[in-house]
Amino acid sequence: MPRKRRVTVSDDPSERKLYEEAGKEQETFLILEFKELMVGMPSPPGWVKKRRRKRKRGRPRKKRRGHKEEFGWQGMVLVLLLKAIHKLDYRGMSSHLRANFDQVARLGLPRAPSASTIQQAHARMGEAWLKKLNRHLLEPKKRGLADPRRSRPVWIVVD
């Protein structure tokens, strides 16, 4: 005899849609909260490349080396924070952002970054700076907690 299939709350399509919308709203709230908390944070030390000295002899170059930075460090930090919150890998975060283009606009990015771009941004920031960012983001939460039993979960950015 075949087993009966258990019906859960999420099997109803309308309830699934409500759950997805609530998840998007929570993500939007987190993005706005992290943007507000990152106002006083300095840029990572490895993010800005040092300019080379200009050549004084010979012909000037016709082409520039490299290309303009497409993604800023603030947007990529927010992507890494969302990656840690959702517990996704680089590919999963990239596909999540490609599926939610409105979230990409809220992050301040021109388009959804690829998995390798997210990985390279994570490598450029450095572990020491990410730990400093983690402390900076958690500082207001720690000051507001009188009872340690009411503490919220800690978001760790460092993989």
N, C-alpha and C. Protein backbone atom coordinates (compact mmCIF):
# COMPACT_ATOMS: atom_id res chain seq x y z
N MET A 1 0.83 -1.16 0.00
CA MET A 1 0.00 0.00 0.00
C MET A 1 0.89 1.25 0.00
N PRO A 2 0.65 2.20 -0.91
CA PRO A 2 1.48 3.42 -0.94
C PRO A 2 1.24 4.28 0.29
N ARG A 3 2.32 4.91 0.70
CA ARG A 3 2.23 5.79 1.87
C ARG A 3 1.57 7.10 1.49
N LYS A 4 0.83 7.64 2.41
CA LYS A 4 0.20 8.93 2.16
C LYS A 4 1.24 10.03 2.26
N ARG A 5 1.12 10.97 1.38
CA ARG A 5 2.03 12.11 1.37
C ARG A 5 1.58 13.10 2.43
N ARG A 6 2.53 13.54 3.24
CA ARG A 6 2.21 14.53 4.26
C ARG A 6 2.09 15.90 3.62
N VAL A 7 1.05 16.59 3.94
CA VAL A 7 0.85 17.94 3.43
C VAL A 7 1.34 18.92 4.48
N THR A 8 2.26 19.79 4.07
CA THR A 8 2.77 20.80 4.99
C THR A 8 2.21 22.15 4.60
N VAL A 9 2.52 23.13 5.40
CA VAL A 9 2.02 24.48 5.15
C VAL A 9 2.59 25.04 3.86
N SER A 10 3.84 24.70 3.56
CA SER A 10 4.49 25.28 2.39
C SER A 10 4.07 24.62 1.08
N ASP A 11 3.24 23.58 1.10
CA ASP A 11 2.79 22.96 -0.14
C ASP A 11 1.79 23.83 -0.90
N ASP A 12 1.13 24.72 -0.22
CA ASP A 12 0.18 25.61 -0.89
C ASP A 12 0.96 26.69 -1.64
N PRO A 13 0.73 26.87 -2.94
CA PRO A 13 1.51 27.86 -3.71
C PRO A 13 1.39 29.28 -3.19
N SER A 14 0.21 29.67 -2.71
CA SER A 14 0.07 31.03 -2.21
C SER A 14 0.88 31.23 -0.94
N GLU A 15 0.96 30.21 -0.09
CA GLU A 15 1.75 30.32 1.14
C GLU A 15 3.24 30.34 0.82
N ARG A 16 3.65 29.57 -0.18
CA ARG A 16 5.05 29.60 -0.58
C ARG A 16 5.45 30.98 -1.06
N LYS A 17 4.56 31.62 -1.83
CA LYS A 17 4.83 32.96 -2.35
C LYS A 17 4.94 33.97 -1.20
N LEU A 18 4.07 33.84 -0.21
CA LEU A 18 4.14 34.72 0.96
C LEU A 18 5.47 34.55 1.69
N TYR A 19 5.92 33.31 1.83
CA TYR A 19 7.19 33.03 2.50
C TYR A 19 8.36 33.64 1.73
N GLU A 20 8.34 33.52 0.40
CA GLU A 20 9.40 34.10 -0.42
C GLU A 20 9.41 35.62 -0.31
N GLU A 21 8.24 36.24 -0.31
CA GLU A 21 8.16 37.70 -0.18
C GLU A 21 8.68 38.16 1.18
N ALA A 22 8.35 37.42 2.23
CA ALA A 22 8.84 37.77 3.56
C ALA A 22 10.36 37.66 3.62
N GLY A 23 10.92 36.65 2.96
CA GLY A 23 12.36 36.50 2.92
C GLY A 23 13.03 37.65 2.19
N LYS A 24 12.42 38.12 1.10
CA LYS A 24 12.97 39.26 0.36
C LYS A 24 12.93 40.53 1.20
N GLU A 25 11.83 40.72 1.93
CA GLU A 25 11.72 41.91 2.77
C GLU A 25 12.77 41.89 3.89
N GLN A 26 13.02 40.71 4.45
CA GLN A 26 14.04 40.60 5.49
C GLN A 26 15.41 40.92 4.92
N GLU A 27 15.69 40.44 3.71
CA GLU A 27 16.97 40.72 3.08
C GLU A 27 17.12 42.21 2.80
N THR A 28 16.06 42.86 2.35
CA THR A 28 16.09 44.30 2.10
C THR A 28 16.37 45.06 3.39
N PHE A 29 15.74 44.64 4.48
CA PHE A 29 15.97 45.28 5.77
C PHE A 29 17.42 45.12 6.20
N LEU A 30 17.99 43.93 6.01
CA LEU A 30 19.39 43.70 6.39
C LEU A 30 20.33 44.55 5.55
N ILE A 31 20.04 44.69 4.26
CA ILE A 31 20.89 45.52 3.40
C ILE A 31 20.89 46.96 3.89
N LEU A 32 19.72 47.50 4.18
CA LEU A 32 19.64 48.88 4.66
C LEU A 32 20.33 49.05 6.01
N GLU A 33 20.18 48.07 6.89
CA GLU A 33 20.82 48.15 8.20
C GLU A 33 22.34 48.09 8.08
N PHE A 34 22.85 47.20 7.23
CA PHE A 34 24.30 47.10 7.05
C PHE A 34 24.87 48.34 6.38
N LYS A 35 24.14 48.91 5.43
CA LYS A 35 24.62 50.15 4.80
C LYS A 35 24.75 51.27 5.83
N GLU A 36 23.79 51.35 6.73
CA GLU A 36 23.82 52.38 7.77
C GLU A 36 24.98 52.16 8.72
N LEU A 37 25.26 50.91 9.07
CA LEU A 37 26.34 50.62 10.00
C LEU A 37 27.72 50.77 9.37
N MET A 38 27.81 50.66 8.04
CA MET A 38 29.11 50.73 7.37
C MET A 38 29.55 52.15 7.05
N VAL A 39 28.79 53.15 7.46
CA VAL A 39 29.12 54.53 7.11
C VAL A 39 30.50 54.93 7.63
N GLY A 40 30.85 54.58 8.85
CA GLY A 40 32.12 55.00 9.42
C GLY A 40 33.27 54.05 9.15
N MET A 41 33.07 53.05 8.35
CA MET A 41 34.10 52.03 8.11
C MET A 41 35.05 52.46 6.99
N PRO A 42 36.38 52.39 7.22
CA PRO A 42 37.32 52.73 6.15
C PRO A 42 37.39 51.60 5.12
N SER A 43 37.87 51.94 3.93
CA SER A 43 37.97 50.92 2.87
C SER A 43 39.06 49.90 3.22
N PRO A 44 38.95 48.68 2.69
CA PRO A 44 39.98 47.67 2.97
C PRO A 44 41.32 48.08 2.40
N PRO A 45 42.40 47.74 3.07
CA PRO A 45 43.72 48.19 2.60
C PRO A 45 44.13 47.61 1.26
N GLY A 46 43.69 46.42 0.91
CA GLY A 46 44.09 45.81 -0.35
C GLY A 46 43.18 46.15 -1.50
N TRP A 47 42.18 46.99 -1.28
CA TRP A 47 41.20 47.23 -2.33
C TRP A 47 41.70 48.20 -3.39
N VAL A 48 42.30 49.30 -2.99
CA VAL A 48 42.77 50.30 -3.95
C VAL A 48 44.18 49.95 -4.38
N LYS A 49 44.35 49.85 -5.68
CA LYS A 49 45.68 49.53 -6.20
C LYS A 49 46.54 50.79 -6.21
N LYS A 50 47.82 50.61 -5.92
CA LYS A 50 48.74 51.74 -5.94
C LYS A 50 49.08 52.09 -7.38
N ARG A 51 49.15 53.39 -7.64
CA ARG A 51 49.51 53.83 -8.99
C ARG A 51 51.01 53.69 -9.19
N ARG A 52 51.34 53.31 -10.39
CA ARG A 52 52.76 53.23 -10.72
C ARG A 52 53.26 54.61 -11.12
N ARG A 53 54.54 54.79 -10.95
CA ARG A 53 55.12 56.06 -11.39
C ARG A 53 55.05 56.15 -12.90
N LYS A 54 54.88 57.36 -13.38
CA LYS A 54 54.81 57.55 -14.82
C LYS A 54 56.20 57.37 -15.43
N ARG A 55 56.19 56.82 -16.62
CA ARG A 55 57.46 56.68 -17.35
C ARG A 55 57.88 58.04 -17.86
N LYS A 56 59.12 58.35 -17.71
CA LYS A 56 59.60 59.67 -18.13
C LYS A 56 60.25 59.64 -19.50
N ARG A 57 60.70 58.47 -19.92
CA ARG A 57 61.38 58.39 -21.22
C ARG A 57 60.54 57.59 -22.19
N GLY A 58 60.81 57.80 -23.44
CA GLY A 58 60.14 57.01 -24.47
C GLY A 58 58.79 57.59 -24.84
N ARG A 59 58.12 56.86 -25.69
CA ARG A 59 56.82 57.30 -26.14
C ARG A 59 55.75 57.06 -25.10
N PRO A 60 54.73 57.90 -25.09
CA PRO A 60 53.62 57.62 -24.16
C PRO A 60 52.79 56.44 -24.66
N ARG A 61 52.21 55.74 -23.75
CA ARG A 61 51.37 54.60 -24.13
C ARG A 61 50.08 55.09 -24.77
N LYS A 62 49.60 54.32 -25.72
CA LYS A 62 48.34 54.67 -26.37
C LYS A 62 47.16 54.10 -25.60
N LYS A 63 47.36 52.97 -24.94
CA LYS A 63 46.28 52.35 -24.19
C LYS A 63 46.58 52.42 -22.71
N ARG A 64 45.51 52.46 -21.94
CA ARG A 64 45.67 52.40 -20.49
C ARG A 64 45.80 50.95 -20.08
N ARG A 65 46.45 50.74 -18.97
CA ARG A 65 46.54 49.38 -18.44
C ARG A 65 45.39 49.15 -17.48
N GLY A 66 44.85 47.94 -17.51
CA GLY A 66 43.76 47.61 -16.60
C GLY A 66 42.44 48.18 -17.07
N HIS A 67 41.48 48.15 -16.18
CA HIS A 67 40.16 48.69 -16.50
C HIS A 67 39.56 49.32 -15.26
N LYS A 68 38.51 50.09 -15.48
CA LYS A 68 37.86 50.77 -14.38
C LYS A 68 37.21 49.76 -13.44
N GLU A 69 37.26 50.06 -12.16
CA GLU A 69 36.67 49.19 -11.15
C GLU A 69 35.15 49.21 -11.32
N GLU A 70 34.56 48.03 -11.57
CA GLU A 70 33.12 47.97 -11.82
C GLU A 70 32.33 47.88 -10.52
N PHE A 71 32.83 47.14 -9.54
CA PHE A 71 32.12 46.94 -8.29
C PHE A 71 32.90 47.62 -7.17
N GLY A 72 32.22 48.45 -6.40
CA GLY A 72 32.85 49.12 -5.27
C GLY A 72 32.99 48.19 -4.07
N TRP A 73 33.80 48.57 -3.12
CA TRP A 73 34.03 47.68 -1.98
C TRP A 73 32.80 47.60 -1.09
N GLN A 74 32.00 48.68 -0.99
CA GLN A 74 30.82 48.64 -0.12
C GLN A 74 29.82 47.61 -0.63
N GLY A 75 29.56 47.61 -1.93
CA GLY A 75 28.63 46.65 -2.49
C GLY A 75 29.11 45.21 -2.34
N MET A 76 30.40 45.00 -2.53
CA MET A 76 30.93 43.65 -2.41
C MET A 76 30.95 43.17 -0.96
N VAL A 77 31.15 44.09 -0.02
CA VAL A 77 31.05 43.71 1.40
C VAL A 77 29.63 43.26 1.73
N LEU A 78 28.65 43.99 1.20
CA LEU A 78 27.26 43.61 1.43
C LEU A 78 26.95 42.25 0.81
N VAL A 79 27.53 41.97 -0.36
CA VAL A 79 27.33 40.66 -0.99
C VAL A 79 27.93 39.57 -0.11
N LEU A 80 29.12 39.81 0.44
CA LEU A 80 29.75 38.81 1.31
C LEU A 80 28.97 38.61 2.61
N LEU A 81 28.40 39.69 3.14
CA LEU A 81 27.57 39.55 4.34
C LEU A 81 26.33 38.71 4.05
N LEU A 82 25.68 38.97 2.93
CA LEU A 82 24.50 38.18 2.56
C LEU A 82 24.88 36.72 2.29
N LYS A 83 26.06 36.52 1.73
CA LYS A 83 26.55 35.16 1.48
C LYS A 83 26.71 34.41 2.79
N ALA A 84 27.23 35.09 3.81
CA ALA A 84 27.41 34.45 5.11
C ALA A 84 26.08 34.20 5.81
N ILE A 85 25.14 35.13 5.67
CA ILE A 85 23.83 34.97 6.32
C ILE A 85 23.05 33.83 5.69
N HIS A 86 23.06 33.76 4.36
CA HIS A 86 22.31 32.71 3.67
C HIS A 86 23.05 31.37 3.65
N LYS A 87 24.31 31.37 4.09
CA LYS A 87 25.14 30.16 4.11
C LYS A 87 25.25 29.55 2.72
N LEU A 88 25.58 30.40 1.75
CA LEU A 88 25.73 29.97 0.36
C LEU A 88 27.20 29.96 -0.02
N ASP A 89 27.53 29.23 -1.07
CA ASP A 89 28.86 29.32 -1.63
C ASP A 89 28.86 30.44 -2.67
N TYR A 90 30.01 30.63 -3.35
CA TYR A 90 30.12 31.74 -4.30
C TYR A 90 29.15 31.59 -5.47
N ARG A 91 29.01 30.38 -5.99
CA ARG A 91 28.10 30.16 -7.11
C ARG A 91 26.65 30.37 -6.69
N GLY A 92 26.32 29.89 -5.51
CA GLY A 92 24.96 30.06 -5.01
C GLY A 92 24.61 31.53 -4.81
N MET A 93 25.56 32.31 -4.30
CA MET A 93 25.30 33.73 -4.09
C MET A 93 25.16 34.45 -5.43
N SER A 94 25.98 34.07 -6.40
CA SER A 94 25.89 34.68 -7.71
C SER A 94 24.54 34.39 -8.37
N SER A 95 24.09 33.16 -8.29
CA SER A 95 22.79 32.83 -8.89
C SER A 95 21.64 33.47 -8.12
N HIS A 96 21.79 33.61 -6.80
CA HIS A 96 20.77 34.28 -6.00
C HIS A 96 20.63 35.74 -6.43
N LEU A 97 21.75 36.40 -6.67
CA LEU A 97 21.71 37.80 -7.10
C LEU A 97 21.19 37.94 -8.52
N ARG A 98 21.52 36.98 -9.40
CA ARG A 98 20.99 37.05 -10.76
C ARG A 98 19.49 36.85 -10.78
N ALA A 99 18.97 36.07 -9.84
CA ALA A 99 17.52 35.84 -9.78
C ALA A 99 16.79 37.03 -9.17
N ASN A 100 17.45 37.79 -8.30
CA ASN A 100 16.83 38.93 -7.62
C ASN A 100 17.52 40.22 -8.05
N PHE A 101 17.19 40.71 -9.23
CA PHE A 101 17.87 41.90 -9.75
C PHE A 101 17.52 43.16 -8.98
N ASP A 102 16.36 43.18 -8.30
CA ASP A 102 16.02 44.34 -7.49
C ASP A 102 16.94 44.46 -6.27
N GLN A 103 17.40 43.31 -5.74
CA GLN A 103 18.34 43.34 -4.62
C GLN A 103 19.71 43.86 -5.08
N VAL A 104 20.07 43.56 -6.31
CA VAL A 104 21.35 44.04 -6.86
C VAL A 104 21.35 45.56 -6.90
N ALA A 105 20.22 46.14 -7.28
CA ALA A 105 20.11 47.61 -7.32
C ALA A 105 20.20 48.18 -5.91
N ARG A 106 19.60 47.51 -4.93
CA ARG A 106 19.68 47.99 -3.54
C ARG A 106 21.10 47.90 -2.99
N LEU A 107 21.86 46.94 -3.48
CA LEU A 107 23.26 46.81 -3.05
C LEU A 107 24.15 47.89 -3.67
N GLY A 108 23.66 48.56 -4.69
CA GLY A 108 24.43 49.61 -5.34
C GLY A 108 25.39 49.07 -6.39
N LEU A 109 25.07 47.91 -6.97
CA LEU A 109 25.93 47.31 -7.98
C LEU A 109 25.30 47.49 -9.36
N PRO A 110 26.11 47.66 -10.41
CA PRO A 110 25.55 47.83 -11.75
C PRO A 110 24.90 46.56 -12.30
N ARG A 111 25.42 45.40 -11.92
CA ARG A 111 24.87 44.11 -12.34
C ARG A 111 25.26 43.07 -11.29
N ALA A 112 24.74 41.87 -11.44
CA ALA A 112 25.06 40.80 -10.49
C ALA A 112 26.49 40.32 -10.74
N PRO A 113 27.33 40.27 -9.71
CA PRO A 113 28.70 39.80 -9.91
C PRO A 113 28.74 38.29 -10.11
N SER A 114 29.77 37.85 -10.83
CA SER A 114 29.94 36.41 -11.04
C SER A 114 30.55 35.79 -9.78
N ALA A 115 30.59 34.48 -9.76
CA ALA A 115 31.14 33.77 -8.60
C ALA A 115 32.62 34.09 -8.40
N SER A 116 33.36 34.17 -9.50
CA SER A 116 34.79 34.46 -9.38
C SER A 116 35.03 35.89 -8.91
N THR A 117 34.17 36.83 -9.28
CA THR A 117 34.30 38.21 -8.82
C THR A 117 34.07 38.29 -7.32
N ILE A 118 33.08 37.55 -6.82
CA ILE A 118 32.82 37.54 -5.38
C ILE A 118 34.00 36.92 -4.64
N GLN A 119 34.55 35.85 -5.19
CA GLN A 119 35.69 35.19 -4.56
C GLN A 119 36.91 36.10 -4.54
N GLN A 120 37.17 36.79 -5.63
CA GLN A 120 38.32 37.70 -5.71
C GLN A 120 38.16 38.87 -4.74
N ALA A 121 36.93 39.37 -4.61
CA ALA A 121 36.69 40.46 -3.66
C ALA A 121 36.94 39.99 -2.23
N HIS A 122 36.53 38.77 -1.93
CA HIS A 122 36.77 38.21 -0.60
C HIS A 122 38.26 38.07 -0.33
N ALA A 123 39.01 37.64 -1.34
CA ALA A 123 40.46 37.50 -1.17
C ALA A 123 41.15 38.85 -1.03
N ARG A 124 40.66 39.88 -1.73
CA ARG A 124 41.28 41.20 -1.68
C ARG A 124 41.09 41.90 -0.35
N MET A 125 40.03 41.57 0.36
CA MET A 125 39.74 42.29 1.60
C MET A 125 40.64 41.87 2.75
N GLY A 126 41.02 40.64 2.81
CA GLY A 126 41.92 40.19 3.86
C GLY A 126 41.18 39.84 5.14
N GLU A 127 41.71 38.85 5.82
CA GLU A 127 41.04 38.34 7.02
C GLU A 127 41.03 39.34 8.17
N ALA A 128 42.12 40.07 8.34
CA ALA A 128 42.19 41.04 9.45
C ALA A 128 41.14 42.14 9.28
N TRP A 129 40.97 42.63 8.06
CA TRP A 129 39.98 43.68 7.83
C TRP A 129 38.56 43.15 8.02
N LEU A 130 38.30 41.92 7.60
CA LEU A 130 36.97 41.34 7.76
C LEU A 130 36.63 41.13 9.25
N LYS A 131 37.63 40.78 10.05
CA LYS A 131 37.40 40.66 11.49
C LYS A 131 37.10 42.03 12.10
N LYS A 132 37.80 43.04 11.61
CA LYS A 132 37.56 44.41 12.08
C LYS A 132 36.14 44.85 11.70
N LEU A 133 35.71 44.52 10.49
CA LEU A 133 34.35 44.82 10.04
C LEU A 133 33.33 44.11 10.92
N ASN A 134 33.59 42.86 11.23
CA ASN A 134 32.68 42.07 12.06
C ASN A 134 32.51 42.73 13.43
N ARG A 135 33.61 43.17 14.03
CA ARG A 135 33.54 43.85 15.33
C ARG A 135 32.77 45.16 15.22
N HIS A 136 33.01 45.88 14.13
CA HIS A 136 32.34 47.17 13.92
C HIS A 136 30.83 47.00 13.76
N LEU A 137 30.41 45.94 13.06
CA LEU A 137 28.99 45.70 12.85
C LEU A 137 28.29 45.21 14.11
N LEU A 138 29.02 44.49 14.95
CA LEU A 138 28.40 43.93 16.16
C LEU A 138 28.45 44.86 17.36
N GLU A 139 29.27 45.90 17.29
CA GLU A 139 29.43 46.81 18.43
C GLU A 139 28.12 47.45 18.89
N PRO A 140 27.28 48.01 17.99
CA PRO A 140 26.01 48.59 18.48
C PRO A 140 25.09 47.55 19.10
N LYS A 141 25.14 46.32 18.60
CA LYS A 141 24.30 45.26 19.15
C LYS A 141 24.75 44.87 20.55
N LYS A 142 26.05 44.84 20.77
CA LYS A 142 26.57 44.46 22.08
C LYS A 142 26.25 45.51 23.14
N ARG A 143 26.29 46.79 22.74
CA ARG A 143 25.99 47.85 23.70
C ARG A 143 24.54 47.82 24.13
N GLY A 144 23.64 47.41 23.24
CA GLY A 144 22.23 47.40 23.55
C GLY A 144 21.77 46.18 24.31
N LEU A 145 22.63 45.21 24.54
CA LEU A 145 22.23 43.97 25.21
C LEU A 145 22.56 44.04 26.70
N ALA A 146 21.55 44.09 27.52
CA ALA A 146 21.77 44.06 28.96
C ALA A 146 21.77 42.62 29.45
N ASP A 147 20.92 41.80 28.87
CA ASP A 147 20.79 40.41 29.27
C ASP A 147 21.48 39.53 28.23
N PRO A 148 22.52 38.76 28.58
CA PRO A 148 23.22 37.96 27.57
C PRO A 148 22.34 36.85 26.98
N ARG A 149 21.25 36.49 27.65
CA ARG A 149 20.37 35.45 27.11
C ARG A 149 19.56 35.96 25.92
N ARG A 150 19.43 37.27 25.78
CA ARG A 150 18.67 37.86 24.68
C ARG A 150 19.53 38.14 23.46
N SER A 151 20.73 37.64 23.44
CA SER A 151 21.66 37.99 22.36
C SER A 151 21.18 37.43 21.02
N ARG A 152 21.46 38.19 19.96
CA ARG A 152 21.12 37.77 18.61
C ARG A 152 22.28 36.96 18.05
N PRO A 153 22.05 36.18 17.01
CA PRO A 153 23.14 35.38 16.45
C PRO A 153 24.22 36.27 15.85
N VAL A 154 25.45 35.82 15.96
CA VAL A 154 26.59 36.57 15.46
C VAL A 154 26.83 36.17 14.00
N TRP A 155 26.98 37.17 13.13
CA TRP A 155 27.25 36.90 11.72
C TRP A 155 28.73 36.98 11.51
N ILE A 156 29.29 35.91 11.06
CA ILE A 156 30.74 35.85 10.82
C ILE A 156 30.97 35.93 9.33
N VAL A 157 31.82 36.87 8.94
CA VAL A 157 32.09 37.10 7.53
C VAL A 157 33.25 36.26 7.05
N VAL A 158 34.19 35.96 7.92
CA VAL A 158 35.40 35.25 7.54
C VAL A 158 35.06 33.78 7.32
N ASP A 159 35.42 33.26 6.15
CA ASP A 159 35.18 31.83 5.84
C ASP A 159 36.28 30.98 6.42
